[in-house]
C-alpha atoms as a PDB file:
ATOM      1  CA  MET A   1      95.190 141.781 147.251  1.00  0.00           C
ATOM      2  CA  LYS A   2      91.396 141.196 147.837  1.00  0.00           C
ATOM      3  CA  GLU A   3      92.046 137.436 148.367  1.00  0.00           C
ATOM      4  CA  ILE A   4      94.677 138.052 150.916  1.00  0.00           C
ATOM      5  CA  LEU A   5      92.451 140.418 152.854  1.00  0.00           C
ATOM      6  CA  ILE A   6      89.678 137.734 152.913  1.00  0.00           C
ATOM      7  CA  ILE A   7      92.032 135.061 153.995  1.00  0.00           C
ATOM      8  CA  CYS A   8      93.238 137.278 156.834  1.00  0.00           C
ATOM      9  CA  LEU A   9      89.675 138.090 157.956  1.00  0.00           C
ATOM     10  CA  ILE A  10      88.701 134.440 158.006  1.00  0.00           C
ATOM     11  CA  GLY A  11      91.948 133.699 159.768  1.00  0.00           C
ATOM     12  CA  ALA A  12      91.067 136.304 162.245  1.00  0.00           C
ATOM     13  CA  ILE A  13      87.707 135.078 162.976  1.00  0.00           C
ATOM     14  CA  ALA A  14      88.777 131.452 163.016  1.00  0.00           C
ATOM     15  CA  GLY A  15      91.641 132.178 165.511  1.00  0.00           C
ATOM     16  CA  TRP A  16      89.451 134.305 167.714  1.00  0.00           C
ATOM     17  CA  ILE A  17      86.711 131.701 167.957  1.00  0.00           C
ATOM     18  CA  ALA A  18      89.296 128.905 168.459  1.00  0.00           C
ATOM     19  CA  ALA A  19      91.045 130.758 171.277  1.00  0.00           C
ATOM     20  CA  ALA A  20      87.483 131.282 172.857  1.00  0.00           C
ATOM     21  CA  ILE A  21      86.676 127.688 172.523  1.00  0.00           C
ATOM     22  CA  VAL A  22      89.965 126.536 174.144  1.00  0.00           C
ATOM     23  CA  ASN A  23      90.061 129.433 176.575  1.00  0.00           C
ATOM     24  CA  SER A  24      93.426 130.548 175.376  1.00  0.00           C
ATOM     25  CA  ASP A  25      94.723 133.846 175.012  1.00  0.00           C
ATOM     26  CA  SER A  26      97.414 134.482 172.545  1.00  0.00           C
ATOM     27  CA  GLY A  27      97.669 138.229 173.491  1.00  0.00           C
ATOM     28  CA  SER A  28      97.875 139.300 169.886  1.00  0.00           C
ATOM     29  CA  LEU A  29      95.383 139.710 167.015  1.00  0.00           C
ATOM     30  CA  PHE A  30      98.390 138.944 164.638  1.00  0.00           C
ATOM     31  CA  LEU A  31      98.896 135.593 166.348  1.00  0.00           C
ATOM     32  CA  ASP A  32      95.178 134.907 166.224  1.00  0.00           C
ATOM     33  CA  ILE A  33      95.258 135.679 162.402  1.00  0.00           C
ATOM     34  CA  LEU A  34      98.325 133.303 162.059  1.00  0.00           C
ATOM     35  CA  ILE A  35      96.868 130.595 164.008  1.00  0.00           C
ATOM     36  CA  GLY A  36      93.671 130.925 162.005  1.00  0.00           C
ATOM     37  CA  ILE A  37      95.409 130.745 158.715  1.00  0.00           C
ATOM     38  CA  ILE A  38      97.566 127.784 159.662  1.00  0.00           C
ATOM     39  CA  GLY A  39      94.516 126.240 161.105  1.00  0.00           C
ATOM     40  CA  GLY A  40      92.496 126.923 157.967  1.00  0.00           C
ATOM     41  CA  TYR A  41      95.224 124.946 156.132  1.00  0.00           C
ATOM     42  CA  ILE A  42      95.171 122.176 158.631  1.00  0.00           C
ATOM     43  CA  GLY A  43      91.309 122.032 158.701  1.00  0.00           C
ATOM     44  CA  TYR A  44      91.179 121.879 154.958  1.00  0.00           C
ATOM     45  CA  LYS A  45      93.749 118.930 154.877  1.00  0.00           C
ATOM     46  CA  LEU A  46      91.959 117.119 157.594  1.00  0.00           C
ATOM     47  CA  PHE A  47      88.333 117.705 156.726  1.00  0.00           C
ATOM     48  CA  GLY A  48      88.342 118.839 152.906  1.00  0.00           C
ATOM     49  CA  THR A  49      84.815 119.670 152.140  1.00  0.00           C
ATOM     50  CA  SER A  50      83.255 117.286 154.740  1.00  0.00           C
ATOM     51  CA  LEU A  51      82.298 120.323 156.864  1.00  0.00           C
ATOM     52  CA  ASN A  52      80.026 121.798 154.397  1.00  0.00           C
ATOM     53  CA  ILE A  53      77.016 122.773 156.565  1.00  0.00           C
ATOM     54  CA  THR A  54      75.512 125.589 154.697  1.00  0.00           C
ATOM     55  CA  ASP A  55      75.190 126.631 150.966  1.00  0.00           C
ATOM     56  CA  ASN A  56      77.381 129.656 151.682  1.00  0.00           C
ATOM     57  CA  ILE A  57      81.077 129.013 150.885  1.00  0.00           C
ATOM     58  CA  TRP A  58      82.307 131.696 153.154  1.00  0.00           C
ATOM     59  CA  ILE A  59      80.715 130.102 156.199  1.00  0.00           C
ATOM     60  CA  ASN A  60      81.914 126.796 155.284  1.00  0.00           C
ATOM     61  CA  LYS A  61      85.460 128.060 154.946  1.00  0.00           C
ATOM     62  CA  THR A  62      85.011 129.867 158.346  1.00  0.00           C
ATOM     63  CA  ILE A  63      83.866 126.543 159.909  1.00  0.00           C
ATOM     64  CA  THR A  64      86.744 124.514 158.507  1.00  0.00           C
ATOM     65  CA  ALA A  65      89.128 127.066 159.506  1.00  0.00           C
ATOM     66  CA  THR A  66      87.747 127.275 162.902  1.00  0.00           C
ATOM     67  CA  ALA A  67      87.939 123.428 163.437  1.00  0.00           C
ATOM     68  CA  GLY A  68      91.542 123.544 162.239  1.00  0.00           C
ATOM     69  CA  ALA A  69      92.489 126.524 164.296  1.00  0.00           C
ATOM     70  CA  THR A  70      90.945 124.902 167.374  1.00  0.00           C
ATOM     71  CA  ILE A  71      92.994 121.637 166.962  1.00  0.00           C
ATOM     72  CA  LEU A  72      96.171 123.915 166.469  1.00  0.00           C
ATOM     73  CA  THR A  73      95.373 125.999 169.621  1.00  0.00           C
ATOM     74  CA  VAL A  74      94.792 122.667 171.624  1.00  0.00           C
ATOM     75  CA  LEU A  75      98.224 121.510 170.414  1.00  0.00           C
ATOM     76  CA  ILE A  76     100.009 124.944 171.391  1.00  0.00           C
ATOM     77  CA  GLU A  77      98.252 124.841 174.799  1.00  0.00           C
ATOM     78  CA  LEU A  78      99.470 121.204 175.438  1.00  0.00           C
ATOM     79  CA  GLY A  79     102.985 122.199 174.452  1.00  0.00           C
ATOM     80  CA  ARG A  80     102.893 125.226 176.788  1.00  0.00           C
ATOM     81  CA  ARG A  81     101.862 122.901 179.628  1.00  0.00           C
ATOM     82  CA  LEU A  82     104.481 120.240 178.834  1.00  0.00           C
ATOM     83  CA  PHE A  83     107.213 122.825 178.770  1.00  0.00           C
ATOM     84  CA  GLY A  84     105.956 124.781 181.876  1.00  0.00           C
ATOM     85  CA  TYR A  85     105.133 127.953 179.963  1.00  0.00           C
ATOM     86  CA  ARG A  86     102.307 129.923 181.457  1.00  0.00           C
ATOM     87  CA  ASN A  87     101.099 133.508 180.861  1.00  0.00           C
ATOM     88  CA  TYR A  88     101.240 135.056 184.287  1.00  0.00           C
ATOM     89  CA  PRO A  89      99.740 138.513 184.787  1.00  0.00           C
ATOM     90  CA  HIS A  90     102.441 141.190 185.330  1.00  0.00           C
END
């Protein structure tokens, strides 16, 4: 149970940072967490341990997850633009 909470916390942080970098608004903390978790997996597969910047494993995991989440967020935004979906204020 503790590991799931840690993964969700790192995913939430990574998804939020990625949305801020790309200037995207998913509109939901749940989507930010989901993008962060999937992005963490993508980041790990793409970069492995090459993004080990510090000695702190949690910071390294957050950096890797943020890199993957940023890539995923860019791809989602490109998909939105290609298919004409935009979030208009109501």
